[in-house]
Protein backbone atom coordinates (compact mmCIF):
# COMPACT_ATOMS: atom_id res chain seq x y z
CA MET A 1 210.53 -12.24 121.00
CA ILE A 2 208.18 -15.23 121.18
CA ASN A 3 204.91 -14.54 119.36
CA CYS A 4 202.11 -15.00 121.92
CA LYS A 5 199.41 -12.68 120.53
CA PHE A 6 196.75 -15.40 120.65
CA VAL A 7 197.24 -15.70 124.43
CA TRP A 8 195.92 -12.21 125.10
CA ASN A 9 192.52 -13.02 123.61
CA PHE A 10 191.95 -15.38 126.51
CA LYS A 11 191.60 -12.48 128.94
CA LYS A 12 188.55 -11.26 127.02
CA ASN A 13 186.92 -14.64 126.52
CA LYS A 14 187.94 -16.71 129.52
CA THR A 15 184.34 -17.50 130.45
CA ILE A 16 183.45 -18.80 126.98
CA ASN A 17 184.28 -22.45 126.44
CA THR A 18 184.32 -22.18 122.66
CA GLU A 19 186.93 -19.45 122.74
CA LEU A 20 189.00 -21.39 125.25
CA ILE A 21 189.10 -24.52 123.09
CA THR A 22 189.85 -22.41 120.01
CA LEU A 23 192.68 -20.74 121.89
CA TYR A 24 194.17 -24.09 122.93
CA TRP A 25 193.80 -25.36 119.36
CA ASN A 26 195.60 -22.33 117.96
CA ILE A 27 198.41 -22.63 120.47
CA GLY A 28 198.78 -26.33 119.69
CA GLU A 29 198.84 -25.59 115.96
CA TYR A 30 201.40 -22.81 116.44
CA ILE A 31 203.76 -25.02 118.45
CA SER A 32 203.28 -27.98 116.11
CA ARG A 33 204.13 -26.00 112.99
CA LYS A 34 207.13 -24.31 114.56
CA MET A 35 208.56 -27.67 115.58
CA GLU A 36 207.69 -29.25 112.24
CA LEU A 37 209.69 -26.53 110.49
CA SER A 38 212.55 -27.09 112.94
CA GLU A 39 212.28 -23.48 114.07
CA TRP A 40 211.78 -24.60 117.67
CA GLY A 41 213.43 -27.16 119.88
CA GLN A 42 211.77 -28.74 122.89
CA SER A 43 213.32 -26.22 125.26
CA VAL A 44 211.48 -23.34 123.56
CA VAL A 45 208.13 -24.70 124.76
CA LYS A 46 209.36 -24.42 128.32
CA GLU A 47 210.59 -20.90 127.60
CA LEU A 48 207.16 -20.00 126.19
CA SER A 49 205.50 -21.31 129.35
CA LEU A 50 207.81 -19.24 131.56
CA TYR A 51 207.27 -16.16 129.38
CA ILE A 52 203.48 -16.41 129.70
CA GLN A 53 203.57 -17.06 133.44
CA THR A 54 205.97 -14.19 134.02
CA ASN A 55 204.21 -11.59 131.90
CA GLU A 56 200.62 -12.67 132.52
CA PRO A 57 200.55 -14.29 136.01
CA ASP A 58 196.73 -14.13 136.13
CA ILE A 59 196.41 -16.50 133.18
CA LYS A 60 196.41 -20.10 134.39
CA GLY A 61 196.86 -23.37 132.57
CA PHE A 62 199.94 -22.62 130.48
CA SER A 63 202.56 -24.84 132.07
CA ASP A 64 204.95 -26.52 129.65
CA LYS A 65 203.10 -29.80 130.29
CA ASN A 66 199.79 -28.22 129.23
CA LEU A 67 201.37 -26.64 126.18
CA TRP A 68 202.51 -30.08 125.06
CA ARG A 69 198.94 -31.29 125.59
CA MET A 70 197.67 -28.50 123.34
CA LYS A 71 200.12 -29.61 120.67
CA GLN A 72 198.93 -33.21 121.04
CA PHE A 73 195.30 -32.01 120.96
CA TYR A 74 195.82 -30.23 117.65
CA GLU A 75 197.82 -33.06 116.09
CA THR A 76 195.22 -35.65 117.12
CA TYR A 77 192.37 -33.97 115.24
CA LYS A 78 193.97 -31.78 112.57
CA GLU A 79 193.16 -34.29 109.80
CA PHE A 80 189.52 -34.60 110.89
CA PRO A 81 187.74 -31.26 110.31
CA LYS A 82 184.26 -32.64 111.06
CA ILE A 83 185.37 -33.74 114.50
CA SER A 84 187.35 -30.56 115.17
CA THR A 85 184.13 -28.54 115.04
CA LEU A 86 182.61 -30.71 117.79
CA LEU A 87 185.56 -30.22 120.14
CA ARG A 88 184.42 -26.72 121.04
CA GLU A 89 181.10 -28.03 122.33
CA ILE A 90 182.62 -29.86 125.31
CA SER A 91 185.00 -28.63 127.99
CA TRP A 92 188.79 -28.82 127.89
CA SER A 93 188.86 -31.33 130.75
CA HIS A 94 186.48 -33.60 128.81
CA ASN A 95 188.57 -33.19 125.66
CA LEU A 96 191.74 -33.95 127.58
CA ALA A 97 190.31 -37.19 128.98
CA ILE A 98 189.15 -38.32 125.54
CA PHE A 99 192.23 -37.64 123.42
CA SER A 100 194.64 -38.85 126.08
CA ARG A 101 192.80 -42.08 126.97
CA CYS A 102 191.21 -43.15 123.67
CA LYS A 103 193.52 -44.65 121.09
CA THR A 104 191.55 -44.52 117.83
CA ILE A 105 189.76 -41.67 116.08
CA GLU A 106 186.56 -43.76 116.03
CA GLU A 107 186.62 -44.13 119.80
CA GLN A 108 187.44 -40.44 120.30
CA GLU A 109 184.59 -39.33 118.04
CA PHE A 110 182.21 -41.69 119.87
CA TYR A 111 182.95 -40.15 123.28
CA ILE A 112 182.95 -36.56 121.99
CA LYS A 113 179.47 -36.97 120.52
CA LEU A 114 178.17 -38.90 123.51
CA THR A 115 179.53 -36.38 126.02
CA LYS A 116 177.60 -33.64 124.27
CA GLN A 117 174.47 -35.74 123.80
CA GLU A 118 174.35 -37.11 127.36
CA ASN A 119 175.80 -34.00 129.01
CA TYR A 120 178.29 -36.13 130.95
CA SER A 121 180.08 -34.67 133.92
CA PHE A 122 183.84 -35.27 133.89
CA ARG A 123 183.42 -38.05 136.46
CA GLU A 124 180.70 -39.73 134.39
CA LEU A 125 182.83 -39.59 131.27
CA GLU A 126 185.79 -41.12 133.11
CA ARG A 127 183.63 -44.01 134.27
CA GLN A 128 182.26 -44.66 130.79
CA ILE A 129 185.75 -44.81 129.31
CA SER A 130 186.91 -47.09 132.14
CA SER A 131 183.90 -49.36 131.59
CA SER A 132 184.77 -49.70 127.87
CA LEU A 133 181.47 -48.21 126.75
CA PHE A 134 182.72 -47.77 123.17
CA GLU A 135 183.67 -51.43 122.73
CA ARG A 136 180.49 -52.69 124.39
CA THR A 137 178.29 -50.45 122.25
CA MET A 138 180.02 -51.34 118.98
CA ILE A 139 179.71 -55.06 119.73
CA GLY A 140 176.06 -54.48 120.65
CA ASN A 141 175.42 -52.68 117.34
CA SER A 142 176.82 -55.61 115.39
CA LYS A 143 174.46 -58.02 117.14
CA LEU A 144 171.21 -56.16 116.62
CA SER A 145 168.72 -58.37 114.86
CA THR A 146 167.48 -57.48 111.38
CA LEU A 147 164.01 -56.88 112.81
CA LEU A 148 165.36 -54.40 115.35
CA ARG A 149 167.21 -52.48 112.65
CA GLU A 150 164.16 -52.43 110.38
CA THR A 151 161.81 -51.40 113.19
CA ASN A 152 164.00 -48.52 114.38
CA ALA A 153 166.44 -46.99 111.93
CA ASP A 154 168.02 -44.87 114.69
CA ILE A 155 168.70 -47.75 117.05
CA ALA A 156 172.50 -47.75 116.65
CA ASN A 157 174.40 -46.95 119.87
CA THR A 158 171.25 -47.39 121.99
CA PHE A 159 171.79 -50.90 123.37
CA LYS A 160 174.94 -52.72 124.47
CA ASP A 161 176.10 -56.29 124.26
CA SER A 162 176.96 -56.11 127.96
CA TYR A 163 176.13 -53.74 130.80
CA VAL A 164 178.29 -52.90 133.80
CA PHE A 165 176.62 -52.65 137.21
CA ASP A 166 179.73 -52.16 139.33
CA PHE A 167 177.79 -49.67 141.49
CA LEU A 168 175.48 -52.36 142.92
CA ASN A 169 177.92 -53.97 145.39
CA LEU A 170 176.01 -57.24 145.20
CA PRO A 171 177.14 -60.28 147.21
CA GLU A 172 178.90 -63.11 145.40
CA THR A 173 175.65 -65.03 145.17
CA PHE A 174 172.43 -63.14 144.46
CA ASN A 175 169.02 -63.72 142.94
CA GLU A 176 166.87 -61.77 140.49
CA ASN A 177 165.07 -59.97 143.30
CA ASP A 178 168.41 -58.72 144.71
CA LEU A 179 169.40 -57.50 141.26
CA GLN A 180 166.08 -55.72 140.70
CA LYS A 181 166.12 -54.00 144.11
CA GLY A 182 169.73 -52.93 143.60
CA LEU A 183 169.00 -51.36 140.20
CA ILE A 184 165.95 -49.53 141.58
CA GLN A 185 167.94 -48.15 144.52
CA GLN A 186 170.72 -47.05 142.17
CA MET A 187 168.42 -45.74 139.41
CA LYS A 188 170.57 -42.67 138.70
CA ASN A 189 173.61 -44.84 137.99
CA PHE A 190 171.48 -47.36 136.11
CA ILE A 191 170.16 -44.62 133.81
CA LEU A 192 173.72 -43.39 133.26
CA GLU A 193 174.72 -46.90 132.14
CA LEU A 194 171.68 -47.24 129.88
CA GLY A 195 171.70 -43.72 128.44
CA ARG A 196 169.72 -40.65 129.45
CA ASP A 197 167.07 -41.06 126.76
CA PHE A 198 165.67 -43.90 128.87
CA LEU A 199 162.80 -42.77 131.11
CA PHE A 200 161.90 -45.11 133.95
CA ILE A 201 158.22 -46.05 134.13
CA SER A 202 157.91 -48.79 136.71
CA GLU A 203 159.26 -51.92 138.33
CA GLU A 204 157.07 -55.04 138.33
CA TYR A 205 154.89 -53.41 135.67
CA LYS A 206 151.59 -55.31 135.55
CA VAL A 207 150.04 -56.46 132.28
CA GLN A 208 146.78 -58.35 132.32
CA VAL A 209 146.09 -61.02 129.72
CA GLY A 210 142.80 -62.87 130.03
CA ASN A 211 142.23 -63.49 133.72
CA SER A 212 145.94 -63.60 134.57
CA ASP A 213 148.34 -60.91 135.75
CA PHE A 214 151.96 -60.81 134.61
CA TYR A 215 154.77 -58.56 135.80
CA ILE A 216 157.58 -57.05 133.73
CA ASP A 217 160.74 -56.60 135.81
CA LEU A 218 161.58 -53.06 134.61
CA LEU A 219 159.73 -50.91 132.07
CA PHE A 220 161.23 -47.83 130.41
CA PHE A 221 160.30 -45.45 127.61
CA HIS A 222 163.00 -44.34 125.18
CA ARG A 223 162.55 -40.77 123.96
CA GLY A 224 164.71 -41.09 120.86
CA LEU A 225 163.23 -44.37 119.65
CA GLN A 226 159.73 -43.40 120.84
CA CYS A 227 158.93 -46.83 122.20
CA LEU A 228 158.52 -48.84 125.38
CA VAL A 229 161.53 -50.91 126.44
CA ALA A 230 161.00 -53.93 128.69
CA PHE A 231 163.94 -55.31 130.67
CA GLU A 232 163.77 -58.84 132.03
CA LEU A 233 166.42 -59.78 134.60
CA LYS A 234 168.00 -63.19 134.97
CA ALA A 235 170.45 -64.14 137.71
CA ASP A 236 171.76 -67.07 135.70
CA LYS A 237 172.97 -67.94 132.20
CA PHE A 238 170.79 -67.30 129.15
CA LYS A 239 168.37 -70.05 128.19
CA PRO A 240 166.35 -70.03 124.94
CA GLU A 241 163.08 -70.36 126.86
CA HIS A 242 163.69 -66.94 128.43
CA LEU A 243 162.83 -65.35 125.09
CA GLY A 244 159.34 -66.84 125.07
CA GLN A 245 158.45 -64.97 128.23
CA LEU A 246 159.89 -61.69 126.93
CA ASN A 247 158.12 -62.02 123.57
CA PHE A 248 154.85 -62.57 125.41
CA TYR A 249 155.37 -59.35 127.39
CA LEU A 250 156.12 -57.37 124.23
CA GLU A 251 152.91 -58.61 122.60
CA ALA A 252 150.92 -57.56 125.67
CA LEU A 253 152.57 -54.12 125.70
CA ASP A 254 151.93 -53.52 122.00
CA ARG A 255 148.30 -54.62 122.18
CA ASP A 256 147.25 -52.97 125.43
CA VAL A 257 149.78 -50.31 126.51
CA LYS A 258 151.52 -48.82 123.46
CA ARG A 259 149.99 -45.65 122.05
CA GLN A 260 149.24 -45.24 118.35
CA ASN A 261 152.00 -42.69 117.79
CA GLU A 262 154.65 -44.94 119.40
CA ASN A 263 156.86 -47.54 117.74
CA PRO A 264 156.68 -51.28 118.59
CA SER A 265 158.07 -52.15 122.00
CA ILE A 266 161.59 -53.54 122.39
CA GLY A 267 162.67 -56.21 124.83
CA VAL A 268 166.08 -56.63 126.47
CA LEU A 269 166.94 -59.81 128.32
CA LEU A 270 169.67 -59.11 130.88
CA CYS A 271 171.50 -62.29 131.84
CA LYS A 272 174.47 -62.92 134.10
CA ASP A 273 176.15 -64.88 131.31
CA LYS A 274 175.41 -66.02 127.77
CA ASP A 275 176.72 -68.28 125.05
CA SER A 276 176.78 -66.15 121.89
CA GLU A 277 176.07 -69.10 119.60
CA VAL A 278 173.04 -70.16 121.66
CA VAL A 279 171.78 -66.57 121.58
CA GLU A 280 172.23 -66.41 117.80
CA TYR A 281 170.23 -69.61 117.29
CA ALA A 282 167.49 -68.48 119.69
CA LEU A 283 167.08 -65.08 118.04
CA SER A 284 167.20 -66.35 114.45
CA ARG A 285 163.53 -67.38 114.47
CA SER A 286 162.27 -64.66 116.81
CA LEU A 287 159.76 -62.29 115.23
CA SER A 288 159.92 -59.80 118.10
CA PRO A 289 162.39 -56.89 118.40
CA THR A 290 164.45 -58.38 121.21
CA MET A 291 168.09 -58.61 122.18
CA VAL A 292 170.05 -60.53 124.78
CA SER A 293 172.70 -58.72 126.82
CA GLU A 294 174.83 -59.83 129.71
CA TYR A 295 175.72 -57.77 132.76
CA LYS A 296 178.87 -57.55 134.83
CA THR A 297 179.14 -56.44 138.44
CA GLN A 298 182.77 -55.42 137.97
CA LEU A 299 184.51 -53.28 135.36
CA PRO A 300 185.36 -55.40 132.30
CA ASP A 301 188.84 -56.05 130.97
CA LYS A 302 189.25 -53.45 128.23
CA LYS A 303 191.88 -55.49 126.39
CA VAL A 304 189.55 -58.50 126.19
CA LEU A 305 186.74 -56.34 124.76
CA GLN A 306 189.08 -54.70 122.25
CA LYS A 307 190.23 -58.14 121.06
CA LYS A 308 186.62 -59.26 120.77
CA LEU A 309 185.75 -56.14 118.77
CA HIS A 310 188.70 -56.61 116.39
CA GLU A 311 187.76 -60.26 115.84
CA LEU A 312 184.20 -59.25 115.11
CA PHE A 313 185.22 -56.60 112.56
CA ASP A 314 187.72 -58.96 110.91
CA HIS A 315 184.99 -61.58 110.58
CA THR A 316 182.53 -59.17 108.92
CA ARG A 317 185.03 -57.84 106.36
């Protein structure tokens, strides 16, 4: 008789996610070891599925296809005990999306941790994987200036090299005002793309210097970094002179708006396009914690980003 004793525990704990993931892990381990020892052939997995469905028709989710997924689930993470403890903190559907769509353990760990941290719905997680969030964040981490790293030790994974605003449905030609209005109208999706630690303060945030008024396109506060974050929007390609304006805004924020318990403000210049070498030159002499990111209005090509990430890592080795 096929040993299925771990299946019965599900009836007692079916409402507890941790127990469900543990159950799937144990089933995957059981099948994996049986096949590794050549005690089972592939047909036995189908027999196991039929046995469960016949004897316990109220228990769902044990088709032969799902049993193979449980085996794959176990085999994906069995060599990574630190990650395996995190798996029980997100749902099976989230786990399934991550280990079936992400190819490396680094990418899988990234999405597991982020799903828990950001409390992603399944749909939100799917979009982030499709938008190559992992690649964009890793590239962004590598391009943080020394000043940014020194100012905020926990800044890794907060900002991206590029942002995806596919939800805006902007026309082919648009200006900065169109971009700003679109982001305000789609603030929920904008926050999802930025990260949920960003708290929106205001659009066209006014700072007064001398007898003149100046307006910051979008102002946020980041709970984790405990600082103000100013976003300046550009509907064209990055130009070095854009940084002068952003640096001026950060100085005004730190002198007149920032509270004593908060860290120095950070500036993000969002441009439609950028030349990485021009950005590197422009930032090399900047004394302000700023970064330059580009935005896309369509989902990026994942293969292009993966190639860019590999090239970057190969260059830094």
